[in-house]
Amino acid sequence: TGPKSSLNYLTYLIIVIGMFLSMKQWRDKFNNGFITYGNAFKHGFYVILITGILTAIWTFIFYNYIAPDEVAKIIEATEENLYKSQPNMSEEQVEMALKWSKMFVSPKIMALTGFFGNIILGVILGAILSIFIKKEKPAFSEKQIIMDLSLVIPLYNEEESLPELSTWIEGVINKMGLTYEIIFVDDGSNDN
């Protein structure tokens, strides 16, 4: 509870919304409104991978160069919390706990744990969000479903008359205002 806890929840909310909008945008703008579960998951993973890399770089730069004194403040706060939460700890136990804390509060370790934490979070969120983002392409496109006319014409040695036949059929059907397809089937012709 408190402001840090609220900030953590806000951060997670921003990550969820950002992943969702990114996956949705990819589906709607670059995939014609369709995306499989696997592709949605993969896109979400790439988003969180890039976010994790950028966060790790920022964490390293921040704690190493911008605010190196913050690491000492974290260690001090850890020591205070140890004495408050475990008043019966011996001085040796406190020193051992602080030794371990110092190992995990180095800028490199914080950057790495932040990166891998983001990856784990991304895999979980990607798996969940992909359920809501996926939109499978129907087996038949709309054009195929609402086609007015489908002509199948068998041909045998009709190379010379084919262009004229095709032009005539298209002219007649176009005048009727129908949607159509013409399928010419070669029935073992000797010509091209």
N, C-alpha and C. Protein backbone atom coordinates (compact mmCIF):
# COMPACT_ATOMS: atom_id res chain seq x y z
N THR A 1 0.84 -1.18 0.00
CA THR A 1 0.00 0.00 0.00
C THR A 1 0.88 1.24 0.00
N GLY A 2 0.29 2.37 -0.31
CA GLY A 2 1.04 3.60 -0.34
C GLY A 2 1.33 4.05 -1.75
N PRO A 3 2.07 5.17 -1.88
CA PRO A 3 2.33 5.74 -3.20
C PRO A 3 3.16 4.83 -4.11
N LYS A 4 4.16 4.13 -3.54
CA LYS A 4 4.98 3.25 -4.38
C LYS A 4 4.15 2.11 -4.95
N SER A 5 3.25 1.55 -4.14
CA SER A 5 2.38 0.47 -4.59
C SER A 5 1.45 0.96 -5.69
N SER A 6 0.89 2.15 -5.52
CA SER A 6 0.00 2.73 -6.53
C SER A 6 0.76 2.97 -7.83
N LEU A 7 2.00 3.43 -7.69
CA LEU A 7 2.83 3.66 -8.88
C LEU A 7 3.13 2.35 -9.61
N ASN A 8 3.36 1.29 -8.86
CA ASN A 8 3.59 -0.02 -9.49
C ASN A 8 2.36 -0.48 -10.26
N TYR A 9 1.18 -0.33 -9.66
CA TYR A 9 -0.05 -0.73 -10.35
C TYR A 9 -0.27 0.12 -11.60
N LEU A 10 0.02 1.40 -11.51
CA LEU A 10 -0.11 2.29 -12.66
C LEU A 10 0.85 1.87 -13.77
N THR A 11 2.06 1.50 -13.40
CA THR A 11 3.05 1.04 -14.38
C THR A 11 2.55 -0.22 -15.09
N TYR A 12 2.03 -1.18 -14.34
CA TYR A 12 1.51 -2.41 -14.96
C TYR A 12 0.33 -2.11 -15.87
N LEU A 13 -0.53 -1.19 -15.44
CA LEU A 13 -1.68 -0.81 -16.26
C LEU A 13 -1.22 -0.19 -17.58
N ILE A 14 -0.21 0.66 -17.53
CA ILE A 14 0.33 1.28 -18.74
C ILE A 14 0.92 0.21 -19.66
N ILE A 15 1.62 -0.76 -19.09
CA ILE A 15 2.21 -1.84 -19.89
C ILE A 15 1.10 -2.65 -20.57
N VAL A 16 0.05 -2.99 -19.83
CA VAL A 16 -1.06 -3.78 -20.40
C VAL A 16 -1.73 -3.00 -21.53
N ILE A 17 -2.04 -1.73 -21.29
CA ILE A 17 -2.71 -0.91 -22.30
C ILE A 17 -1.81 -0.74 -23.53
N GLY A 18 -0.52 -0.49 -23.29
CA GLY A 18 0.42 -0.32 -24.40
C GLY A 18 0.53 -1.57 -25.25
N MET A 19 0.64 -2.73 -24.60
CA MET A 19 0.71 -3.99 -25.36
C MET A 19 -0.57 -4.24 -26.14
N PHE A 20 -1.70 -4.01 -25.48
CA PHE A 20 -2.99 -4.25 -26.13
C PHE A 20 -3.14 -3.36 -27.37
N LEU A 21 -2.86 -2.07 -27.21
CA LEU A 21 -3.01 -1.14 -28.34
C LEU A 21 -2.03 -1.45 -29.46
N SER A 22 -0.82 -1.84 -29.10
CA SER A 22 0.17 -2.19 -30.12
C SER A 22 -0.27 -3.42 -30.91
N MET A 23 -0.74 -4.44 -30.21
CA MET A 23 -1.18 -5.67 -30.87
C MET A 23 -2.41 -5.40 -31.74
N LYS A 24 -3.33 -4.59 -31.23
CA LYS A 24 -4.55 -4.26 -31.98
C LYS A 24 -4.20 -3.45 -33.23
N GLN A 25 -3.29 -2.49 -33.08
CA GLN A 25 -2.88 -1.67 -34.22
C GLN A 25 -2.22 -2.55 -35.28
N TRP A 26 -1.37 -3.48 -34.86
CA TRP A 26 -0.72 -4.38 -35.81
C TRP A 26 -1.76 -5.20 -36.56
N ARG A 27 -2.76 -5.70 -35.83
CA ARG A 27 -3.82 -6.50 -36.46
C ARG A 27 -4.62 -5.66 -37.45
N ASP A 28 -5.05 -4.48 -37.02
CA ASP A 28 -5.99 -3.69 -37.83
C ASP A 28 -5.32 -2.94 -38.98
N LYS A 29 -4.13 -2.41 -38.78
CA LYS A 29 -3.51 -1.58 -39.82
C LYS A 29 -2.59 -2.36 -40.75
N PHE A 30 -1.94 -3.40 -40.24
CA PHE A 30 -0.95 -4.08 -41.05
C PHE A 30 -1.34 -5.50 -41.43
N ASN A 31 -2.43 -6.02 -40.87
CA ASN A 31 -2.86 -7.38 -41.17
C ASN A 31 -4.30 -7.43 -41.67
N ASN A 32 -4.81 -6.35 -42.18
CA ASN A 32 -6.17 -6.27 -42.72
C ASN A 32 -7.24 -6.71 -41.72
N GLY A 33 -7.00 -6.44 -40.44
CA GLY A 33 -8.00 -6.74 -39.42
C GLY A 33 -7.99 -8.17 -38.91
N PHE A 34 -7.01 -8.97 -39.34
CA PHE A 34 -6.94 -10.37 -38.92
C PHE A 34 -5.59 -10.68 -38.31
N ILE A 35 -5.58 -11.54 -37.31
CA ILE A 35 -4.33 -12.01 -36.72
C ILE A 35 -4.60 -13.31 -35.97
N THR A 36 -3.69 -14.25 -36.09
CA THR A 36 -3.84 -15.50 -35.36
C THR A 36 -3.36 -15.30 -33.93
N TYR A 37 -3.70 -16.24 -33.08
CA TYR A 37 -3.24 -16.17 -31.69
C TYR A 37 -1.72 -16.15 -31.64
N GLY A 38 -1.08 -17.02 -32.41
CA GLY A 38 0.38 -17.12 -32.41
C GLY A 38 1.05 -15.83 -32.86
N ASN A 39 0.53 -15.21 -33.93
CA ASN A 39 1.11 -13.96 -34.41
C ASN A 39 0.87 -12.82 -33.43
N ALA A 40 -0.29 -12.81 -32.79
CA ALA A 40 -0.56 -11.78 -31.78
C ALA A 40 0.41 -11.94 -30.61
N PHE A 41 0.61 -13.18 -30.18
CA PHE A 41 1.54 -13.44 -29.07
C PHE A 41 2.95 -13.02 -29.46
N LYS A 42 3.36 -13.37 -30.67
CA LYS A 42 4.71 -13.03 -31.14
C LYS A 42 4.90 -11.52 -31.18
N HIS A 43 3.90 -10.79 -31.68
CA HIS A 43 4.01 -9.33 -31.72
C HIS A 43 4.10 -8.75 -30.31
N GLY A 44 3.26 -9.26 -29.41
CA GLY A 44 3.30 -8.80 -28.02
C GLY A 44 4.65 -9.08 -27.38
N PHE A 45 5.22 -10.24 -27.69
CA PHE A 45 6.53 -10.59 -27.14
C PHE A 45 7.61 -9.64 -27.64
N TYR A 46 7.57 -9.31 -28.94
CA TYR A 46 8.56 -8.37 -29.48
C TYR A 46 8.43 -7.00 -28.83
N VAL A 47 7.19 -6.57 -28.60
CA VAL A 47 6.98 -5.28 -27.94
C VAL A 47 7.60 -5.29 -26.55
N ILE A 48 7.34 -6.33 -25.78
CA ILE A 48 7.86 -6.38 -24.41
C ILE A 48 9.36 -6.62 -24.42
N LEU A 49 9.89 -7.30 -25.42
CA LEU A 49 11.34 -7.49 -25.53
C LEU A 49 12.04 -6.14 -25.72
N ILE A 50 11.52 -5.34 -26.63
CA ILE A 50 12.10 -4.01 -26.86
C ILE A 50 11.94 -3.15 -25.62
N THR A 51 10.77 -3.21 -24.99
CA THR A 51 10.54 -2.46 -23.76
C THR A 51 11.51 -2.90 -22.67
N GLY A 52 11.72 -4.20 -22.55
CA GLY A 52 12.65 -4.73 -21.54
C GLY A 52 14.07 -4.27 -21.77
N ILE A 53 14.51 -4.27 -23.03
CA ILE A 53 15.86 -3.81 -23.35
C ILE A 53 16.02 -2.33 -23.00
N LEU A 54 15.05 -1.52 -23.42
CA LEU A 54 15.12 -0.08 -23.12
C LEU A 54 15.08 0.19 -21.62
N THR A 55 14.23 -0.55 -20.90
CA THR A 55 14.15 -0.39 -19.45
C THR A 55 15.45 -0.78 -18.78
N ALA A 56 16.07 -1.86 -19.22
CA ALA A 56 17.33 -2.31 -18.65
C ALA A 56 18.43 -1.27 -18.88
N ILE A 57 18.49 -0.73 -20.09
CA ILE A 57 19.48 0.30 -20.39
C ILE A 57 19.26 1.53 -19.51
N TRP A 58 18.00 1.95 -19.40
CA TRP A 58 17.67 3.11 -18.57
C TRP A 58 18.03 2.86 -17.10
N THR A 59 17.69 1.69 -16.59
CA THR A 59 18.00 1.36 -15.19
C THR A 59 19.50 1.42 -14.95
N PHE A 60 20.28 0.84 -15.85
CA PHE A 60 21.73 0.84 -15.70
C PHE A 60 22.28 2.27 -15.71
N ILE A 61 21.85 3.06 -16.68
CA ILE A 61 22.33 4.45 -16.78
C ILE A 61 21.90 5.26 -15.56
N PHE A 62 20.65 5.10 -15.15
CA PHE A 62 20.13 5.88 -14.02
C PHE A 62 20.91 5.60 -12.74
N TYR A 63 21.04 4.32 -12.38
CA TYR A 63 21.70 3.98 -11.12
C TYR A 63 23.22 4.07 -11.18
N ASN A 64 23.79 4.05 -12.37
CA ASN A 64 25.25 4.14 -12.50
C ASN A 64 25.73 5.58 -12.66
N TYR A 65 24.98 6.40 -13.41
CA TYR A 65 25.49 7.72 -13.77
C TYR A 65 24.62 8.89 -13.30
N ILE A 66 23.31 8.75 -13.38
CA ILE A 66 22.43 9.87 -13.03
C ILE A 66 22.26 10.00 -11.52
N ALA A 67 21.95 8.90 -10.86
CA ALA A 67 21.69 8.94 -9.41
C ALA A 67 22.35 7.75 -8.71
N PRO A 68 23.69 7.72 -8.70
CA PRO A 68 24.36 6.59 -8.06
C PRO A 68 24.12 6.52 -6.56
N ASP A 69 23.77 7.65 -5.93
CA ASP A 69 23.49 7.66 -4.49
C ASP A 69 22.19 6.93 -4.14
N GLU A 70 21.35 6.67 -5.13
CA GLU A 70 20.09 5.95 -4.88
C GLU A 70 20.34 4.51 -4.42
N VAL A 71 21.41 3.92 -4.91
CA VAL A 71 21.75 2.55 -4.50
C VAL A 71 22.02 2.52 -2.99
N ALA A 72 22.78 3.50 -2.51
CA ALA A 72 23.07 3.58 -1.07
C ALA A 72 21.79 3.80 -0.27
N LYS A 73 20.87 4.61 -0.81
CA LYS A 73 19.59 4.85 -0.12
C LYS A 73 18.77 3.56 -0.04
N ILE A 74 18.81 2.77 -1.09
CA ILE A 74 18.08 1.49 -1.08
C ILE A 74 18.66 0.57 -0.01
N ILE A 75 20.00 0.52 0.09
CA ILE A 75 20.66 -0.33 1.10
C ILE A 75 20.31 0.16 2.51
N GLU A 76 20.32 1.48 2.70
CA GLU A 76 19.96 2.04 4.01
C GLU A 76 18.53 1.70 4.39
N ALA A 77 17.62 1.84 3.43
CA ALA A 77 16.21 1.50 3.68
C ALA A 77 16.06 0.02 4.00
N THR A 78 16.82 -0.81 3.32
CA THR A 78 16.79 -2.26 3.59
C THR A 78 17.26 -2.54 5.01
N GLU A 79 18.34 -1.87 5.42
CA GLU A 79 18.86 -2.07 6.77
C GLU A 79 17.85 -1.63 7.83
N GLU A 80 17.22 -0.49 7.61
CA GLU A 80 16.19 -0.01 8.54
C GLU A 80 15.04 -1.00 8.64
N ASN A 81 14.60 -1.49 7.49
CA ASN A 81 13.49 -2.45 7.47
C ASN A 81 13.87 -3.75 8.18
N LEU A 82 15.12 -4.17 8.04
CA LEU A 82 15.57 -5.38 8.73
C LEU A 82 15.47 -5.21 10.25
N TYR A 83 15.96 -4.06 10.73
CA TYR A 83 15.92 -3.84 12.18
C TYR A 83 14.50 -3.70 12.71
N LYS A 84 13.61 -3.10 11.88
CA LYS A 84 12.21 -2.94 12.31
C LYS A 84 11.45 -4.26 12.26
N SER A 85 11.63 -5.01 11.18
CA SER A 85 10.85 -6.24 11.00
C SER A 85 11.44 -7.42 11.77
N GLN A 86 12.73 -7.41 12.01
CA GLN A 86 13.42 -8.51 12.70
C GLN A 86 14.29 -7.96 13.83
N PRO A 87 13.70 -7.44 14.91
CA PRO A 87 14.51 -6.82 15.96
C PRO A 87 15.43 -7.81 16.69
N ASN A 88 15.17 -9.08 16.59
CA ASN A 88 15.97 -10.07 17.30
C ASN A 88 17.15 -10.61 16.47
N MET A 89 17.35 -10.07 15.28
CA MET A 89 18.46 -10.53 14.44
C MET A 89 19.79 -10.09 15.05
N SER A 90 20.75 -10.98 14.96
CA SER A 90 22.09 -10.63 15.45
C SER A 90 22.77 -9.72 14.43
N GLU A 91 23.84 -9.07 14.87
CA GLU A 91 24.58 -8.18 13.98
C GLU A 91 25.15 -8.95 12.79
N GLU A 92 25.58 -10.18 13.00
CA GLU A 92 26.10 -11.02 11.92
C GLU A 92 25.03 -11.34 10.88
N GLN A 93 23.81 -11.63 11.37
CA GLN A 93 22.70 -11.92 10.46
C GLN A 93 22.34 -10.69 9.63
N VAL A 94 22.34 -9.54 10.29
CA VAL A 94 22.04 -8.29 9.57
C VAL A 94 23.12 -8.05 8.51
N GLU A 95 24.38 -8.22 8.87
CA GLU A 95 25.47 -8.02 7.91
C GLU A 95 25.35 -8.98 6.72
N MET A 96 24.99 -10.24 6.99
CA MET A 96 24.82 -11.23 5.91
C MET A 96 23.67 -10.83 4.99
N ALA A 97 22.57 -10.40 5.59
CA ALA A 97 21.42 -9.97 4.78
C ALA A 97 21.77 -8.74 3.94
N LEU A 98 22.52 -7.81 4.52
CA LEU A 98 22.93 -6.62 3.77
C LEU A 98 23.93 -6.97 2.66
N LYS A 99 24.79 -7.95 2.93
CA LYS A 99 25.74 -8.39 1.90
C LYS A 99 24.99 -8.90 0.68
N TRP A 100 23.96 -9.74 0.92
CA TRP A 100 23.15 -10.26 -0.19
C TRP A 100 22.37 -9.14 -0.87
N SER A 101 21.84 -8.22 -0.09
CA SER A 101 21.09 -7.09 -0.66
C SER A 101 21.98 -6.27 -1.56
N LYS A 102 23.23 -6.00 -1.12
CA LYS A 102 24.16 -5.20 -1.93
C LYS A 102 24.47 -5.90 -3.26
N MET A 103 24.55 -7.23 -3.23
CA MET A 103 24.81 -7.96 -4.47
C MET A 103 23.67 -7.76 -5.47
N PHE A 104 22.43 -7.74 -4.98
CA PHE A 104 21.28 -7.65 -5.88
C PHE A 104 20.86 -6.22 -6.20
N VAL A 105 21.48 -5.25 -5.54
CA VAL A 105 21.11 -3.86 -5.76
C VAL A 105 22.18 -3.13 -6.59
N SER A 106 23.06 -3.86 -7.21
CA SER A 106 24.02 -3.22 -8.11
C SER A 106 23.29 -2.84 -9.40
N PRO A 107 23.73 -1.79 -10.08
CA PRO A 107 23.05 -1.37 -11.32
C PRO A 107 22.95 -2.49 -12.36
N LYS A 108 24.01 -3.29 -12.50
CA LYS A 108 23.98 -4.37 -13.50
C LYS A 108 22.91 -5.41 -13.15
N ILE A 109 22.89 -5.82 -11.88
CA ILE A 109 21.93 -6.84 -11.47
C ILE A 109 20.50 -6.30 -11.55
N MET A 110 20.30 -5.04 -11.14
CA MET A 110 18.95 -4.46 -11.24
C MET A 110 18.49 -4.37 -12.69
N ALA A 111 19.41 -4.02 -13.60
CA ALA A 111 19.07 -3.96 -15.02
C ALA A 111 18.71 -5.34 -15.55
N LEU A 112 19.50 -6.35 -15.19
CA LEU A 112 19.23 -7.71 -15.65
C LEU A 112 17.95 -8.28 -15.07
N THR A 113 17.74 -8.10 -13.77
CA THR A 113 16.49 -8.63 -13.17
C THR A 113 15.27 -7.88 -13.72
N GLY A 114 15.44 -6.58 -13.97
CA GLY A 114 14.33 -5.83 -14.58
C GLY A 114 14.02 -6.34 -15.98
N PHE A 115 15.07 -6.64 -16.75
CA PHE A 115 14.88 -7.16 -18.10
C PHE A 115 14.14 -8.50 -18.07
N PHE A 116 14.65 -9.44 -17.26
CA PHE A 116 14.03 -10.76 -17.22
C PHE A 116 12.64 -10.71 -16.58
N GLY A 117 12.44 -9.80 -15.64
CA GLY A 117 11.10 -9.61 -15.08
C GLY A 117 10.12 -9.14 -16.14
N ASN A 118 10.58 -8.20 -16.99
CA ASN A 118 9.74 -7.73 -18.09
C ASN A 118 9.41 -8.85 -19.06
N ILE A 119 10.39 -9.70 -19.35
CA ILE A 119 10.16 -10.81 -20.28
C ILE A 119 9.11 -11.77 -19.72
N ILE A 120 9.25 -12.12 -18.44
CA ILE A 120 8.27 -13.02 -17.82
C ILE A 120 6.89 -12.39 -17.83
N LEU A 121 6.82 -11.12 -17.43
CA LEU A 121 5.54 -10.41 -17.45
C LEU A 121 4.97 -10.35 -18.87
N GLY A 122 5.84 -10.11 -19.85
CA GLY A 122 5.40 -10.03 -21.25
C GLY A 122 4.84 -11.33 -21.77
N VAL A 123 5.47 -12.43 -21.40
CA VAL A 123 4.98 -13.75 -21.84
C VAL A 123 3.58 -14.00 -21.27
N ILE A 124 3.40 -13.69 -19.99
CA ILE A 124 2.10 -13.91 -19.35
C ILE A 124 1.05 -12.98 -19.96
N LEU A 125 1.38 -11.68 -20.06
CA LEU A 125 0.41 -10.73 -20.63
C LEU A 125 0.14 -11.03 -22.10
N GLY A 126 1.19 -11.38 -22.85
CA GLY A 126 1.01 -11.70 -24.27
C GLY A 126 0.08 -12.88 -24.47
N ALA A 127 0.23 -13.90 -23.62
CA ALA A 127 -0.64 -15.07 -23.72
C ALA A 127 -2.10 -14.70 -23.44
N ILE A 128 -2.30 -13.84 -22.45
CA ILE A 128 -3.68 -13.45 -22.09
C ILE A 128 -4.26 -12.49 -23.12
N LEU A 129 -3.51 -11.45 -23.49
CA LEU A 129 -4.03 -10.45 -24.42
C LEU A 129 -4.27 -11.02 -25.81
N SER A 130 -3.46 -12.00 -26.22
CA SER A 130 -3.63 -12.60 -27.55
C SER A 130 -4.99 -13.28 -27.69
N ILE A 131 -5.52 -13.75 -26.58
CA ILE A 131 -6.86 -14.36 -26.62
C ILE A 131 -7.89 -13.34 -27.09
N PHE A 132 -7.75 -12.10 -26.64
CA PHE A 132 -8.73 -11.06 -26.96
C PHE A 132 -8.43 -10.36 -28.28
N ILE A 133 -7.17 -10.39 -28.72
CA ILE A 133 -6.77 -9.70 -29.95
C ILE A 133 -6.98 -10.57 -31.19
N LYS A 134 -6.85 -11.88 -31.04
CA LYS A 134 -6.89 -12.74 -32.23
C LYS A 134 -8.21 -12.58 -32.98
N LYS A 135 -8.09 -12.63 -34.27
CA LYS A 135 -9.26 -12.56 -35.16
C LYS A 135 -8.85 -13.32 -36.41
N GLU A 136 -9.30 -14.56 -36.47
CA GLU A 136 -8.91 -15.44 -37.57
C GLU A 136 -9.57 -15.01 -38.87
N LYS A 137 -8.83 -15.15 -39.95
CA LYS A 137 -9.36 -14.87 -41.28
C LYS A 137 -10.34 -15.97 -41.64
N PRO A 138 -11.52 -15.62 -42.16
CA PRO A 138 -12.47 -16.68 -42.54
C PRO A 138 -11.90 -17.53 -43.68
N ALA A 139 -12.39 -18.75 -43.77
CA ALA A 139 -11.91 -19.68 -44.80
C ALA A 139 -12.13 -19.13 -46.19
N PHE A 140 -13.23 -18.41 -46.39
CA PHE A 140 -13.52 -17.81 -47.69
C PHE A 140 -13.61 -16.31 -47.50
N SER A 141 -13.06 -15.58 -48.46
CA SER A 141 -13.14 -14.12 -48.37
C SER A 141 -14.54 -13.68 -48.76
N GLU A 142 -14.84 -12.42 -48.47
CA GLU A 142 -16.17 -11.90 -48.78
C GLU A 142 -16.47 -11.97 -50.28
N LYS A 143 -15.45 -11.71 -51.11
CA LYS A 143 -15.65 -11.75 -52.56
C LYS A 143 -16.13 -13.13 -52.99
N GLN A 144 -15.54 -14.16 -52.43
CA GLN A 144 -15.93 -15.50 -52.82
C GLN A 144 -17.34 -15.83 -52.34
N ILE A 145 -17.72 -15.32 -51.22
CA ILE A 145 -19.03 -15.63 -50.68
C ILE A 145 -20.13 -14.93 -51.46
N ILE A 146 -19.90 -13.69 -51.93
CA ILE A 146 -20.97 -12.95 -52.61
C ILE A 146 -20.82 -12.94 -54.13
N MET A 147 -20.01 -13.84 -54.67
CA MET A 147 -19.83 -13.92 -56.11
C MET A 147 -21.17 -14.27 -56.78
N ASP A 148 -21.53 -13.49 -57.82
CA ASP A 148 -22.79 -13.73 -58.52
C ASP A 148 -22.69 -14.89 -59.52
N LEU A 149 -21.56 -15.04 -60.16
CA LEU A 149 -21.46 -16.01 -61.25
C LEU A 149 -20.05 -16.62 -61.29
N SER A 150 -20.01 -17.92 -61.45
CA SER A 150 -18.74 -18.62 -61.60
C SER A 150 -18.86 -19.51 -62.84
N LEU A 151 -18.05 -19.21 -63.85
CA LEU A 151 -18.10 -19.98 -65.10
C LEU A 151 -16.89 -20.91 -65.18
N VAL A 152 -17.14 -22.18 -65.46
CA VAL A 152 -16.07 -23.14 -65.70
C VAL A 152 -16.23 -23.58 -67.16
N ILE A 153 -15.18 -23.30 -67.95
CA ILE A 153 -15.27 -23.58 -69.39
C ILE A 153 -14.15 -24.53 -69.78
N PRO A 154 -14.52 -25.75 -70.19
CA PRO A 154 -13.49 -26.69 -70.65
C PRO A 154 -13.03 -26.31 -72.06
N LEU A 155 -11.74 -26.43 -72.32
CA LEU A 155 -11.17 -26.06 -73.63
C LEU A 155 -10.35 -27.23 -74.18
N TYR A 156 -10.44 -27.37 -75.50
CA TYR A 156 -9.60 -28.36 -76.17
C TYR A 156 -9.12 -27.75 -77.47
N ASN A 157 -7.81 -27.49 -77.55
CA ASN A 157 -7.20 -26.88 -78.74
C ASN A 157 -7.90 -25.57 -79.13
N GLU A 158 -8.08 -24.67 -78.19
CA GLU A 158 -8.78 -23.40 -78.44
C GLU A 158 -7.87 -22.20 -78.29
N GLU A 159 -6.56 -22.34 -78.47
CA GLU A 159 -5.61 -21.27 -78.26
C GLU A 159 -5.95 -20.02 -79.07
N GLU A 160 -6.32 -20.20 -80.32
CA GLU A 160 -6.59 -19.05 -81.20
C GLU A 160 -7.90 -18.34 -80.84
N SER A 161 -8.92 -19.08 -80.42
CA SER A 161 -10.22 -18.46 -80.15
C SER A 161 -10.38 -18.02 -78.69
N LEU A 162 -9.44 -18.37 -77.82
CA LEU A 162 -9.57 -18.07 -76.39
C LEU A 162 -9.64 -16.57 -76.09
N PRO A 163 -8.78 -15.72 -76.65
CA PRO A 163 -8.87 -14.29 -76.33
C PRO A 163 -10.22 -13.68 -76.74
N GLU A 164 -10.72 -14.06 -77.90
CA GLU A 164 -12.01 -13.54 -78.38
C GLU A 164 -13.15 -14.02 -77.48
N LEU A 165 -13.13 -15.31 -77.10
CA LEU A 165 -14.15 -15.88 -76.23
C LEU A 165 -14.14 -15.17 -74.87
N SER A 166 -12.95 -15.00 -74.32
CA SER A 166 -12.83 -14.36 -73.01
C SER A 166 -13.34 -12.93 -73.04
N THR A 167 -12.97 -12.17 -74.07
CA THR A 167 -13.42 -10.77 -74.20
C THR A 167 -14.94 -10.71 -74.33
N TRP A 168 -15.53 -11.60 -75.14
CA TRP A 168 -16.98 -11.59 -75.35
C TRP A 168 -17.72 -11.91 -74.04
N ILE A 169 -17.27 -12.95 -73.31
CA ILE A 169 -17.93 -13.33 -72.04
C ILE A 169 -17.85 -12.19 -71.04
N GLU A 170 -16.66 -11.59 -70.89
CA GLU A 170 -16.49 -10.48 -69.95
C GLU A 170 -17.39 -9.31 -70.31
N GLY A 171 -17.50 -9.01 -71.60
CA GLY A 171 -18.36 -7.90 -72.05
C GLY A 171 -19.82 -8.13 -71.68
N VAL A 172 -20.31 -9.36 -71.93
CA VAL A 172 -21.71 -9.68 -71.62
C VAL A 172 -21.97 -9.60 -70.11
N ILE A 173 -21.10 -10.19 -69.31
CA ILE A 173 -21.30 -10.21 -67.85
C ILE A 173 -21.16 -8.82 -67.26
N ASN A 174 -20.21 -8.03 -67.77
CA ASN A 174 -20.04 -6.67 -67.26
C ASN A 174 -21.28 -5.81 -67.51
N LYS A 175 -21.92 -6.01 -68.68
CA LYS A 175 -23.16 -5.26 -68.97
C LYS A 175 -24.26 -5.63 -68.00
N MET A 176 -24.24 -6.86 -67.50
CA MET A 176 -25.26 -7.31 -66.55
C MET A 176 -24.97 -6.81 -65.13
N GLY A 177 -23.74 -6.30 -64.88
CA GLY A 177 -23.40 -5.76 -63.57
C GLY A 177 -23.18 -6.83 -62.50
N LEU A 178 -22.73 -8.00 -62.92
CA LEU A 178 -22.54 -9.10 -61.97
C LEU A 178 -21.08 -9.22 -61.56
N THR A 179 -20.86 -9.76 -60.38
CA THR A 179 -19.50 -10.14 -60.00
C THR A 179 -19.32 -11.56 -60.50
N TYR A 180 -18.08 -11.85 -60.96
CA TYR A 180 -17.91 -13.14 -61.60
C TYR A 180 -16.47 -13.60 -61.54
N GLU A 181 -16.30 -14.88 -61.88
CA GLU A 181 -14.99 -15.45 -62.13
C GLU A 181 -15.14 -16.39 -63.31
N ILE A 182 -14.07 -16.47 -64.12
CA ILE A 182 -14.07 -17.38 -65.27
C ILE A 182 -12.89 -18.33 -65.09
N ILE A 183 -13.18 -19.60 -65.12
CA ILE A 183 -12.14 -20.62 -64.98
C ILE A 183 -12.10 -21.42 -66.28
N PHE A 184 -10.97 -21.30 -66.98
CA PHE A 184 -10.75 -22.06 -68.19
C PHE A 184 -9.97 -23.33 -67.85
N VAL A 185 -10.49 -24.46 -68.28
CA VAL A 185 -9.86 -25.75 -67.96
C VAL A 185 -9.36 -26.38 -69.26
N ASP A 186 -8.06 -26.59 -69.33
CA ASP A 186 -7.46 -27.25 -70.51
C ASP A 186 -7.73 -28.75 -70.40
N ASP A 187 -8.33 -29.29 -71.45
CA ASP A 187 -8.72 -30.69 -71.42
C ASP A 187 -7.79 -31.52 -72.30
N GLY A 188 -6.47 -31.40 -72.07
CA GLY A 188 -5.49 -32.20 -72.80
C GLY A 188 -5.20 -31.69 -74.19
N SER A 189 -5.23 -30.39 -74.37
CA SER A 189 -5.00 -29.80 -75.70
C SER A 189 -3.58 -30.06 -76.20
N ASN A 190 -3.44 -30.02 -77.53
CA ASN A 190 -2.12 -30.14 -78.16
C ASN A 190 -1.49 -28.79 -78.36
N ASP A 191 -2.29 -27.70 -78.29
CA ASP A 191 -1.74 -26.35 -78.46
C ASP A 191 -1.41 -25.75 -77.09
N ASN A 192 -1.04 -24.48 -77.06
CA ASN A 192 -0.67 -23.82 -75.82
C ASN A 192 -1.91 -23.32 -75.12
